[in-house]
C-alpha atoms as a PDB file:
ATOM      1  CA  MET A   1      20.588  15.771 -16.384  1.00  0.00           C
ATOM      2  CA  SER A   2      19.051  18.523 -17.828  1.00  0.00           C
ATOM      3  CA  GLY A   3      15.186  17.692 -18.597  1.00  0.00           C
ATOM      4  CA  GLN A   4      14.506  15.537 -16.202  1.00  0.00           C
ATOM      5  CA  SER A   5      11.395  16.123 -14.027  1.00  0.00           C
ATOM      6  CA  CYS A   6      10.273  14.556 -10.549  1.00  0.00           C
ATOM      7  CA  GLY A   7       6.998  15.123  -8.559  1.00  0.00           C
ATOM      8  CA  LEU A   8       5.327  13.392  -5.356  1.00  0.00           C
ATOM      9  CA  VAL A   9       1.292  11.807  -6.709  1.00  0.00           C
ATOM     10  CA  ALA A  10      -0.561  10.715  -3.475  1.00  0.00           C
ATOM     11  CA  VAL A  11      -2.465   7.745  -4.543  1.00  0.00           C
ATOM     12  CA  VAL A  12      -5.797   7.976  -2.494  1.00  0.00           C
ATOM     13  CA  GLY A  13      -8.810   6.013  -2.374  1.00  0.00           C
ATOM     14  CA  ALA A  14     -11.375   3.923  -0.409  1.00  0.00           C
ATOM     15  CA  PRO A  15     -10.320   0.320   1.144  1.00  0.00           C
ATOM     16  CA  ASN A  16      -9.993  -1.867  -1.513  1.00  0.00           C
ATOM     17  CA  ALA A  17      -9.922   0.457  -4.258  1.00  0.00           C
ATOM     18  CA  GLY A  18      -6.605  -1.548  -5.657  1.00  0.00           C
ATOM     19  CA  LYS A  19      -4.268   1.469  -4.497  1.00  0.00           C
ATOM     20  CA  SER A  20      -1.110  -0.861  -3.833  1.00  0.00           C
ATOM     21  CA  THR A  21      -1.658  -3.430  -6.969  1.00  0.00           C
ATOM     22  CA  LEU A  22      -1.950   0.135  -8.941  1.00  0.00           C
ATOM     23  CA  VAL A  23       1.339   1.421  -7.428  1.00  0.00           C
ATOM     24  CA  ASN A  24       2.968  -1.844  -7.509  1.00  0.00           C
ATOM     25  CA  ALA A  25       1.836  -1.718 -11.450  1.00  0.00           C
ATOM     26  CA  LEU A  26       3.123   1.689 -12.269  1.00  0.00           C
ATOM     27  CA  VAL A  27       6.415   0.766 -10.827  1.00  0.00           C
ATOM     28  CA  GLY A  28       6.571  -2.098 -12.433  1.00  0.00           C
ATOM     29  CA  GLN A  29       7.343  -4.305  -9.656  1.00  0.00           C
ATOM     30  CA  LYS A  30       5.970  -5.073  -6.127  1.00  0.00           C
ATOM     31  CA  VAL A  31       6.794  -2.508  -3.472  1.00  0.00           C
ATOM     32  CA  ALA A  32       3.318  -2.461  -1.539  1.00  0.00           C
ATOM     33  CA  ILE A  33       1.793  -5.325  -0.523  1.00  0.00           C
ATOM     34  CA  VAL A  34      -1.976  -7.131  -1.899  1.00  0.00           C
ATOM     35  CA  SER A  35      -4.643  -8.234  -0.557  1.00  0.00           C
ATOM     36  CA  PRO A  36      -8.445  -9.153  -1.268  1.00  0.00           C
ATOM     37  CA  LYS A  37      -8.583  -8.179   2.500  1.00  0.00           C
ATOM     38  CA  ALA A  38      -9.735  -4.303   2.818  1.00  0.00           C
ATOM     39  CA  GLN A  39      -7.131  -1.800   4.625  1.00  0.00           C
ATOM     40  CA  THR A  40      -3.973  -4.415   4.545  1.00  0.00           C
ATOM     41  CA  THR A  41      -2.181  -1.110   3.327  1.00  0.00           C
ATOM     42  CA  ARG A  42      -1.379   0.917   7.483  1.00  0.00           C
ATOM     43  CA  THR A  43       1.478   2.947   6.390  1.00  0.00           C
ATOM     44  CA  ARG A  44       2.303   5.568   3.814  1.00  0.00           C
ATOM     45  CA  LEU A  45       4.699   3.844   1.439  1.00  0.00           C
ATOM     46  CA  LEU A  46       6.693   5.439  -1.398  1.00  0.00           C
ATOM     47  CA  GLY A  47       7.175   3.737  -4.686  1.00  0.00           C
ATOM     48  CA  VAL A  48       9.191   5.187  -7.453  1.00  0.00           C
ATOM     49  CA  ALA A  49       8.427   4.828 -11.185  1.00  0.00           C
ATOM     50  CA  ILE A  50      10.170   5.910 -13.772  1.00  0.00           C
ATOM     51  CA  ALA A  51       8.864   7.475 -17.443  1.00  0.00           C
ATOM     52  CA  GLY A  52      11.207   8.619 -19.859  1.00  0.00           C
ATOM     53  CA  ASP A  53      13.132  11.627 -17.995  1.00  0.00           C
ATOM     54  CA  ALA A  54      10.346  11.649 -15.290  1.00  0.00           C
ATOM     55  CA  GLN A  55      10.507  10.329 -12.077  1.00  0.00           C
ATOM     56  CA  ILE A  56       7.244   9.673 -10.581  1.00  0.00           C
ATOM     57  CA  MET A  57       7.043   9.232  -6.643  1.00  0.00           C
ATOM     58  CA  LEU A  58       4.157   7.692  -5.661  1.00  0.00           C
ATOM     59  CA  VAL A  59       2.856   7.424  -2.215  1.00  0.00           C
ATOM     60  CA  ASP A  60       0.321   4.330  -1.534  1.00  0.00           C
ATOM     61  CA  THR A  61      -1.811   5.706   1.392  1.00  0.00           C
ATOM     62  CA  PRO A  62      -4.272   3.221   3.762  1.00  0.00           C
ATOM     63  CA  GLY A  63      -7.622   3.230   2.516  1.00  0.00           C
ATOM     64  CA  ILE A  64      -9.777   6.337   3.882  1.00  0.00           C
ATOM     65  CA  PHE A  65     -12.519   5.057   5.904  1.00  0.00           C
ATOM     66  CA  GLU A  66     -14.426   6.078   8.803  1.00  0.00           C
ATOM     67  CA  PRO A  67     -12.065   5.605  11.826  1.00  0.00           C
ATOM     68  CA  ARG A  68     -13.352   4.022  15.011  1.00  0.00           C
ATOM     69  CA  ARG A  69      -9.915   2.613  16.914  1.00  0.00           C
ATOM     70  CA  ARG A  70      -6.740   4.103  17.524  1.00  0.00           C
ATOM     71  CA  LEU A  71      -5.522   2.353  14.562  1.00  0.00           C
ATOM     72  CA  ASP A  72      -7.746   3.374  12.380  1.00  0.00           C
ATOM     73  CA  ARG A  73      -7.156   7.354  13.606  1.00  0.00           C
ATOM     74  CA  ALA A  74      -3.617   6.613  12.987  1.00  0.00           C
ATOM     75  CA  MET A  75      -4.315   4.958   9.563  1.00  0.00           C
ATOM     76  CA  VAL A  76      -6.584   7.638   8.378  1.00  0.00           C
ATOM     77  CA  ALA A  77      -4.374  10.206   9.375  1.00  0.00           C
ATOM     78  CA  ALA A  78      -1.434   8.585   7.686  1.00  0.00           C
ATOM     79  CA  ALA A  79      -3.640   8.649   4.460  1.00  0.00           C
ATOM     80  CA  TRP A  80      -4.237  12.722   4.329  1.00  0.00           C
ATOM     81  CA  GLY A  81      -0.672  12.900   5.737  1.00  0.00           C
ATOM     82  CA  GLY A  82       0.769  11.230   2.445  1.00  0.00           C
ATOM     83  CA  ALA A  83      -1.417  14.067   0.554  1.00  0.00           C
ATOM     84  CA  GLU A  84       0.484  16.544   2.224  1.00  0.00           C
ATOM     85  CA  ASP A  85       3.071  18.048  -0.398  1.00  0.00           C
ATOM     86  CA  ALA A  86       1.982  16.021  -3.275  1.00  0.00           C
ATOM     87  CA  ASP A  87       2.318  17.711  -6.952  1.00  0.00           C
ATOM     88  CA  LEU A  88      -0.613  15.505  -8.029  1.00  0.00           C
ATOM     89  CA  ILE A  89      -3.360  13.569  -6.144  1.00  0.00           C
ATOM     90  CA  ALA A  90      -5.116  10.631  -7.856  1.00  0.00           C
ATOM     91  CA  LEU A  91      -8.191   9.309  -6.568  1.00  0.00           C
ATOM     92  CA  VAL A  92      -8.584   5.188  -7.165  1.00  0.00           C
ATOM     93  CA  VAL A  93     -11.984   4.484  -7.722  1.00  0.00           C
ATOM     94  CA  ASP A  94     -12.920   0.594  -7.723  1.00  0.00           C
ATOM     95  CA  ALA A  95     -15.168   0.810 -10.905  1.00  0.00           C
ATOM     96  CA  ARG A  96     -17.092  -2.169  -9.914  1.00  0.00           C
ATOM     97  CA  ALA A  97     -17.791  -1.431  -6.453  1.00  0.00           C
ATOM     98  CA  GLY A  98     -19.491   2.055  -7.935  1.00  0.00           C
ATOM     99  CA  LEU A  99     -19.977   5.438  -6.133  1.00  0.00           C
ATOM    100  CA  GLY A 100     -21.172   4.615  -2.326  1.00  0.00           C
ATOM    101  CA  PRO A 101     -20.625   6.763   0.868  1.00  0.00           C
ATOM    102  CA  LYS A 102     -17.340   6.289   1.217  1.00  0.00           C
ATOM    103  CA  VAL A 103     -16.218   7.633  -2.225  1.00  0.00           C
ATOM    104  CA  MET A 104     -18.030  10.598  -2.340  1.00  0.00           C
ATOM    105  CA  THR A 105     -16.880  11.906   1.558  1.00  0.00           C
ATOM    106  CA  ILE A 106     -13.618  11.337  -0.080  1.00  0.00           C
ATOM    107  CA  VAL A 107     -14.258  13.247  -3.044  1.00  0.00           C
ATOM    108  CA  GLU A 108     -16.143  15.699  -0.758  1.00  0.00           C
ATOM    109  CA  ALA A 109     -12.740  16.139   1.439  1.00  0.00           C
ATOM    110  CA  LEU A 110     -10.661  16.343  -1.991  1.00  0.00           C
ATOM    111  CA  ALA A 111     -12.695  19.143  -3.340  1.00  0.00           C
ATOM    112  CA  ARG A 112     -11.527  21.501  -0.717  1.00  0.00           C
ATOM    113  CA  ARG A 113      -7.630  20.759  -1.605  1.00  0.00           C
ATOM    114  CA  ARG A 114      -5.883  22.641  -4.204  1.00  0.00           C
ATOM    115  CA  GLU A 115      -3.615  20.022  -5.858  1.00  0.00           C
ATOM    116  CA  PRO A 116      -4.542  19.100  -9.759  1.00  0.00           C
ATOM    117  CA  LYS A 117      -6.250  15.809  -9.493  1.00  0.00           C
ATOM    118  CA  LEU A 118      -6.702  12.720 -11.803  1.00  0.00           C
ATOM    119  CA  LEU A 119      -9.531  10.022 -11.484  1.00  0.00           C
ATOM    120  CA  VAL A 120      -8.791   6.638 -12.039  1.00  0.00           C
ATOM    121  CA  LEU A 121     -11.005   4.171 -12.408  1.00  0.00           C
ATOM    122  CA  ASN A 122      -9.750   0.774 -11.839  1.00  0.00           C
ATOM    123  CA  LYS A 123     -10.553  -2.825 -12.178  1.00  0.00           C
ATOM    124  CA  VAL A 124     -12.621  -2.240 -15.599  1.00  0.00           C
ATOM    125  CA  ASP A 125     -11.861  -5.645 -16.740  1.00  0.00           C
ATOM    126  CA  ILE A 126     -14.504  -6.763 -14.165  1.00  0.00           C
ATOM    127  CA  ALA A 127     -16.908  -3.304 -14.061  1.00  0.00           C
ATOM    128  CA  ALA A 128     -20.017  -3.214 -15.691  1.00  0.00           C
ATOM    129  CA  LYS A 129     -19.061  -0.963 -19.103  1.00  0.00           C
ATOM    130  CA  ASP A 130     -21.669   0.664 -19.261  1.00  0.00           C
ATOM    131  CA  LYS A 131     -21.510   2.332 -15.619  1.00  0.00           C
ATOM    132  CA  LEU A 132     -17.859   3.586 -16.652  1.00  0.00           C
ATOM    133  CA  LEU A 133     -18.903   6.859 -17.922  1.00  0.00           C
ATOM    134  CA  VAL A 134     -21.627   7.194 -16.042  1.00  0.00           C
ATOM    135  CA  HIS A 135     -19.142   7.097 -12.855  1.00  0.00           C
ATOM    136  CA  ALA A 136     -16.629   9.521 -14.584  1.00  0.00           C
ATOM    137  CA  ASP A 137     -19.300  12.154 -15.095  1.00  0.00           C
ATOM    138  CA  ARG A 138     -20.671  11.923 -11.513  1.00  0.00           C
ATOM    139  CA  LEU A 139     -17.672  12.295  -9.887  1.00  0.00           C
ATOM    140  CA  SER A 140     -16.323  15.014 -12.377  1.00  0.00           C
ATOM    141  CA  ALA A 141     -19.587  16.919 -11.613  1.00  0.00           C
ATOM    142  CA  THR A 142     -18.247  17.256  -8.198  1.00  0.00           C
ATOM    143  CA  LEU A 143     -14.935  17.509  -8.405  1.00  0.00           C
ATOM    144  CA  ALA A 144     -12.860  19.144 -11.451  1.00  0.00           C
ATOM    145  CA  PHE A 145     -10.128  16.714 -12.567  1.00  0.00           C
ATOM    146  CA  ASP A 146      -7.625  17.330 -14.601  1.00  0.00           C
ATOM    147  CA  ALA A 147      -7.792  13.875 -16.983  1.00  0.00           C
ATOM    148  CA  VAL A 148      -9.751  10.678 -16.426  1.00  0.00           C
ATOM    149  CA  PHE A 149      -8.181   7.344 -16.559  1.00  0.00           C
ATOM    150  CA  MET A 150      -9.690   3.948 -17.063  1.00  0.00           C
ATOM    151  CA  VAL A 151      -7.196   1.123 -15.944  1.00  0.00           C
ATOM    152  CA  SER A 152      -7.289  -2.367 -14.613  1.00  0.00           C
ATOM    153  CA  ALA A 153      -3.907  -2.695 -12.589  1.00  0.00           C
ATOM    154  CA  GLU A 154      -4.720  -6.361 -11.978  1.00  0.00           C
ATOM    155  CA  THR A 155      -4.367  -6.904 -16.310  1.00  0.00           C
ATOM    156  CA  GLY A 156      -1.776  -4.168 -16.975  1.00  0.00           C
ATOM    157  CA  ASP A 157      -4.920  -2.374 -19.193  1.00  0.00           C
ATOM    158  CA  GLY A 158      -4.294   1.244 -19.340  1.00  0.00           C
ATOM    159  CA  ILE A 159      -1.361   1.569 -17.267  1.00  0.00           C
ATOM    160  CA  ALA A 160       1.007   2.908 -19.845  1.00  0.00           C
ATOM    161  CA  ASP A 161      -1.411   5.636 -20.319  1.00  0.00           C
ATOM    162  CA  LEU A 162      -1.434   6.545 -16.990  1.00  0.00           C
ATOM    163  CA  LYS A 163       1.873   6.187 -16.256  1.00  0.00           C
ATOM    164  CA  GLN A 164       2.712   8.630 -19.083  1.00  0.00           C
ATOM    165  CA  GLY A 165      -0.149  10.879 -17.658  1.00  0.00           C
ATOM    166  CA  LEU A 166       1.683  11.274 -14.269  1.00  0.00           C
ATOM    167  CA  ALA A 167       4.979  11.985 -15.799  1.00  0.00           C
ATOM    168  CA  GLU A 168       3.560  14.447 -18.289  1.00  0.00           C
ATOM    169  CA  ARG A 169       2.286  16.299 -15.010  1.00  0.00           C
ATOM    170  CA  MET A 170       5.848  16.140 -12.929  1.00  0.00           C
ATOM    171  CA  PRO A 171       7.298  19.671 -12.248  1.00  0.00           C
ATOM    172  CA  SER A 172      10.572  20.315 -13.741  1.00  0.00           C
ATOM    173  CA  GLY A 173      13.692  19.169 -11.488  1.00  0.00           C
ATOM    174  CA  PRO A 174      16.390  16.515 -10.500  1.00  0.00           C
ATOM    175  CA  TRP A 175      15.468  13.032  -9.394  1.00  0.00           C
ATOM    176  CA  HIS A 176      15.182  12.384  -5.860  1.00  0.00           C
ATOM    177  CA  PHE A 177      16.234   8.255  -5.843  1.00  0.00           C
ATOM    178  CA  PRO A 178      18.729   6.526  -7.609  1.00  0.00           C
ATOM    179  CA  GLU A 179      17.211   4.640 -11.044  1.00  0.00           C
ATOM    180  CA  ASP A 180      17.590   1.051  -9.856  1.00  0.00           C
ATOM    181  CA  GLN A 181      15.373   2.185  -6.202  1.00  0.00           C
ATOM    182  CA  VAL A 182      12.091   1.133  -6.553  1.00  0.00           C
ATOM    183  CA  SER A 183      10.656   2.242  -3.025  1.00  0.00           C
ATOM    184  CA  ASP A 184      12.105   3.754   0.061  1.00  0.00           C
ATOM    185  CA  ALA A 185      10.999   1.331   2.388  1.00  0.00           C
ATOM    186  CA  SER A 186      14.115   0.037   4.445  1.00  0.00           C
ATOM    187  CA  ASP A 187      14.967  -3.902   3.867  1.00  0.00           C
ATOM    188  CA  ARG A 188      13.511  -4.252   7.254  1.00  0.00           C
ATOM    189  CA  MET A 189      10.025  -2.728   6.679  1.00  0.00           C
ATOM    190  CA  LEU A 190       9.811  -4.788   3.651  1.00  0.00           C
ATOM    191  CA  ALA A 191      10.453  -8.281   5.209  1.00  0.00           C
ATOM    192  CA  ALA A 192       7.481  -7.181   7.961  1.00  0.00           C
ATOM    193  CA  GLU A 193       5.129  -6.654   5.345  1.00  0.00           C
ATOM    194  CA  VAL A 194       5.899  -9.098   3.239  1.00  0.00           C
ATOM    195  CA  THR A 195       5.283 -11.334   6.213  1.00  0.00           C
ATOM    196  CA  ARG A 196       1.986  -9.423   6.862  1.00  0.00           C
ATOM    197  CA  GLU A 197       0.817 -10.551   3.409  1.00  0.00           C
ATOM    198  CA  GLN A 198       0.969 -13.570   4.198  1.00  0.00           C
ATOM    199  CA  ILE A 199      -0.662 -13.337   7.213  1.00  0.00           C
ATOM    200  CA  PHE A 200      -3.817 -12.022   5.679  1.00  0.00           C
ATOM    201  CA  LEU A 201      -3.579 -14.102   2.479  1.00  0.00           C
ATOM    202  CA  GLN A 202      -3.725 -17.292   4.244  1.00  0.00           C
ATOM    203  CA  LEU A 203      -5.725 -16.183   7.655  1.00  0.00           C
ATOM    204  CA  HIS A 204      -8.061 -13.114   6.216  1.00  0.00           C
ATOM    205  CA  ALA A 205     -10.926 -14.588   7.063  1.00  0.00           C
ATOM    206  CA  GLU A 206     -10.155 -15.986  10.411  1.00  0.00           C
ATOM    207  CA  LEU A 207      -7.652 -13.273  11.939  1.00  0.00           C
ATOM    208  CA  PRO A 208      -8.968  -9.855  11.265  1.00  0.00           C
ATOM    209  CA  TYR A 209      -7.206  -6.695  11.947  1.00  0.00           C
ATOM    210  CA  ALA A 210      -5.814  -8.346  15.042  1.00  0.00           C
ATOM    211  CA  SER A 211      -1.753  -8.682  14.562  1.00  0.00           C
ATOM    212  CA  VAL A 212       1.097  -7.088  13.612  1.00  0.00           C
ATOM    213  CA  VAL A 213       4.525  -7.600  12.458  1.00  0.00           C
ATOM    214  CA  GLU A 214       7.588  -6.426  13.855  1.00  0.00           C
ATOM    215  CA  THR A 215      11.284  -7.286  12.722  1.00  0.00           C
ATOM    216  CA  GLU A 216      13.131  -7.695  15.640  1.00  0.00           C
ATOM    217  CA  GLN A 217      16.900  -8.517  14.215  1.00  0.00           C
ATOM    218  CA  TYR A 218      18.157  -8.262  10.468  1.00  0.00           C
ATOM    219  CA  ARG A 219      21.884  -9.395  10.105  1.00  0.00           C
ATOM    220  CA  GLU A 220      23.169 -10.114   7.016  1.00  0.00           C
ATOM    221  CA  GLN A 221      25.775 -13.029   6.966  1.00  0.00           C
ATOM    222  CA  ASP A 222      29.004 -13.368   5.777  1.00  0.00           C
ATOM    223  CA  ASP A 223      27.943 -15.892   3.098  1.00  0.00           C
ATOM    224  CA  GLY A 224      26.008 -12.729   1.669  1.00  0.00           C
ATOM    225  CA  SER A 225      22.625 -14.072   3.010  1.00  0.00           C
ATOM    226  CA  VAL A 226      20.507 -12.394   5.476  1.00  0.00           C
ATOM    227  CA  GLU A 227      19.351 -13.652   9.002  1.00  0.00           C
ATOM    228  CA  ILE A 228      15.869 -11.788  10.245  1.00  0.00           C
ATOM    229  CA  HIS A 229      14.477 -12.507  13.186  1.00  0.00           C
ATOM    230  CA  GLN A 230      10.394 -11.580  13.289  1.00  0.00           C
ATOM    231  CA  GLN A 231       7.663 -11.354  15.969  1.00  0.00           C
ATOM    232  CA  ILE A 232       3.995 -11.548  15.337  1.00  0.00           C
ATOM    233  CA  LEU A 233       1.961 -10.339  17.698  1.00  0.00           C
ATOM    234  CA  VAL A 234      -1.845 -10.949  18.394  1.00  0.00           C
ATOM    235  CA  ALA A 235      -4.451  -9.815  21.066  1.00  0.00           C
ATOM    236  CA  ARG A 236      -5.507 -12.921  22.414  1.00  0.00           C
ATOM    237  CA  PRO A 237      -4.247 -16.802  22.729  1.00  0.00           C
ATOM    238  CA  THR A 238      -6.694 -17.832  20.573  1.00  0.00           C
ATOM    239  CA  GLN A 239      -5.396 -15.686  17.611  1.00  0.00           C
ATOM    240  CA  ARG A 240      -2.234 -16.952  18.403  1.00  0.00           C
ATOM    241  CA  ALA A 241      -3.340 -20.781  17.944  1.00  0.00           C
ATOM    242  CA  ILE A 242      -4.831 -19.481  14.447  1.00  0.00           C
ATOM    243  CA  VAL A 243      -1.672 -18.472  13.172  1.00  0.00           C
ATOM    244  CA  LEU A 244       0.041 -21.127  14.925  1.00  0.00           C
ATOM    245  CA  GLY A 245      -1.842 -23.941  13.009  1.00  0.00           C
ATOM    246  CA  LYS A 246      -2.522 -27.438  13.989  1.00  0.00           C
ATOM    247  CA  GLY A 247       0.704 -28.796  14.733  1.00  0.00           C
ATOM    248  CA  GLY A 248       2.905 -25.483  14.184  1.00  0.00           C
ATOM    249  CA  GLN A 249       1.718 -25.981  10.326  1.00  0.00           C
ATOM    250  CA  ARG A 250       0.311 -22.493   9.419  1.00  0.00           C
ATOM    251  CA  ILE A 251       3.257 -20.438  11.029  1.00  0.00           C
ATOM    252  CA  ARG A 252       5.691 -23.251   8.966  1.00  0.00           C
ATOM    253  CA  GLU A 253       3.732 -22.122   5.658  1.00  0.00           C
ATOM    254  CA  ILE A 254       3.318 -18.334   6.285  1.00  0.00           C
ATOM    255  CA  GLY A 255       7.358 -18.386   6.833  1.00  0.00           C
ATOM    256  CA  ALA A 256       8.200 -20.586   4.031  1.00  0.00           C
ATOM    257  CA  ARG A 257       6.165 -18.412   1.517  1.00  0.00           C
ATOM    258  CA  ALA A 258       7.340 -14.959   3.080  1.00  0.00           C
ATOM    259  CA  ARG A 259      11.274 -16.875   2.772  1.00  0.00           C
ATOM    260  CA  ALA A 260      10.626 -17.350  -0.744  1.00  0.00           C
ATOM    261  CA  GLU A 261       9.342 -14.216  -1.420  1.00  0.00           C
ATOM    262  CA  LEU A 262      12.113 -12.246   0.100  1.00  0.00           C
ATOM    263  CA  SER A 263      14.588 -14.132  -1.366  1.00  0.00           C
ATOM    264  CA  GLN A 264      13.451 -13.191  -4.327  1.00  0.00           C
ATOM    265  CA  LEU A 265      13.164  -9.607  -3.866  1.00  0.00           C
ATOM    266  CA  LEU A 266      15.966  -9.173  -1.825  1.00  0.00           C
ATOM    267  CA  GLY A 267      18.286 -10.974  -4.462  1.00  0.00           C
ATOM    268  CA  ARG A 268      19.817 -13.276  -1.861  1.00  0.00           C
ATOM    269  CA  ARG A 269      19.387 -16.391   0.431  1.00  0.00           C
ATOM    270  CA  VAL A 270      16.941 -15.590   3.531  1.00  0.00           C
ATOM    271  CA  HIS A 271      16.958 -17.242   6.779  1.00  0.00           C
ATOM    272  CA  LEU A 272      13.577 -16.166   8.429  1.00  0.00           C
ATOM    273  CA  TYR A 273      12.898 -17.330  12.273  1.00  0.00           C
ATOM    274  CA  LEU A 274       8.830 -16.311  13.246  1.00  0.00           C
ATOM    275  CA  HIS A 275       7.682 -16.285  16.640  1.00  0.00           C
ATOM    276  CA  VAL A 276       3.940 -15.479  17.952  1.00  0.00           C
ATOM    277  CA  LYS A 277       3.627 -13.593  20.867  1.00  0.00           C
ATOM    278  CA  VAL A 278       0.119 -12.479  22.508  1.00  0.00           C
ATOM    279  CA  LYS A 279       0.620  -8.948  23.698  1.00  0.00           C
ATOM    280  CA  PRO A 280      -2.923  -7.847  24.488  1.00  0.00           C
ATOM    281  CA  ASP A 281      -4.047  -4.054  23.544  1.00  0.00           C
ATOM    282  CA  TRP A 282      -1.061  -4.074  21.284  1.00  0.00           C
ATOM    283  CA  ASP A 283      -2.761  -1.410  19.462  1.00  0.00           C
ATOM    284  CA  GLU A 284      -2.476   0.751  22.411  1.00  0.00           C
ATOM    285  CA  ASP A 285       1.026   0.428  22.629  1.00  0.00           C
ATOM    286  CA  ARG A 286       3.124   3.588  21.229  1.00  0.00           C
ATOM    287  CA  THR A 287       6.057   1.783  20.463  1.00  0.00           C
ATOM    288  CA  VAL A 288       4.384  -0.581  18.101  1.00  0.00           C
ATOM    289  CA  TYR A 289       2.989   2.328  16.207  1.00  0.00           C
ATOM    290  CA  ARG A 290       6.135   3.864  15.847  1.00  0.00           C
ATOM    291  CA  ASP A 291       7.998   0.265  14.733  1.00  0.00           C
ATOM    292  CA  ILE A 292       5.273  -0.094  11.976  1.00  0.00           C
ATOM    293  CA  GLY A 293       5.399   3.814  10.793  1.00  0.00           C
ATOM    294  CA  LEU A 294       2.363   5.133  12.157  1.00  0.00           C
ATOM    295  CA  ASP A 295       2.068   8.499  14.385  1.00  0.00           C
ATOM    296  CA  TRP A 296       0.371   7.857  17.606  1.00  0.00           C
ATOM    297  CA  THR A 297      -3.388   9.515  17.499  1.00  0.00           C
ATOM    298  CA  GLU A 298      -5.227  10.741  20.431  1.00  0.00           C
END
């Protein structure tokens, strides 16, 4: 169809800036997991939004932070890798938290990149209103942004304007995805992400980045349902006990909520089976990195 445009937007920012919530809001449905805990996005995830004749491919990247472990380094590499070949970079800043050293470090790194850049001040619904222009002016003095948008990904305020602003900047060309496809994530990956989100939501205070979810089996059934077997890896027996909960109550609750959400997302009945395995130093296992979509970093 003539008049179509399509481009890649890298959504970058510090941990907990609200990047995943923003991508979900722009797409119009959930494609990325959301948690109040920082650094829950581990890999590059592509969400697809449509505005008129424009298809906007949004790369939701892990938050950029100072890496300490191999897993941290792989996550940061994935974040900057998500910006490769982007037609546009959207820097998302938590307007309530303000401009700390993490944000300014990212801004300085972006200043060395040639791609056009937009500034998205997020969480304006809970930020001090008198600080918004101060933040925008300070950031714009460091980096030449094509435009500045003030939004609340949580409430939807400003999202329509941002979406239109992105659409107007997409280069001419055919769409890369069918109109009804909202993400490049496979159903296997989506299933693992949904379960991992429930682990974060239910155990975020008790189980810091000490778990990973692998979808071992994903089988279509004759009745149209799907059977999913997943393994939750933790590093220590005490962590396994936390995930299981007293009498297995916690793992049942994680499974029930993940199953309900997957049934809704996939539009079919889901049979979800979870088991927890202790695997010391799982974050030093190349196979685990491959399975969750991260590159091995030395």
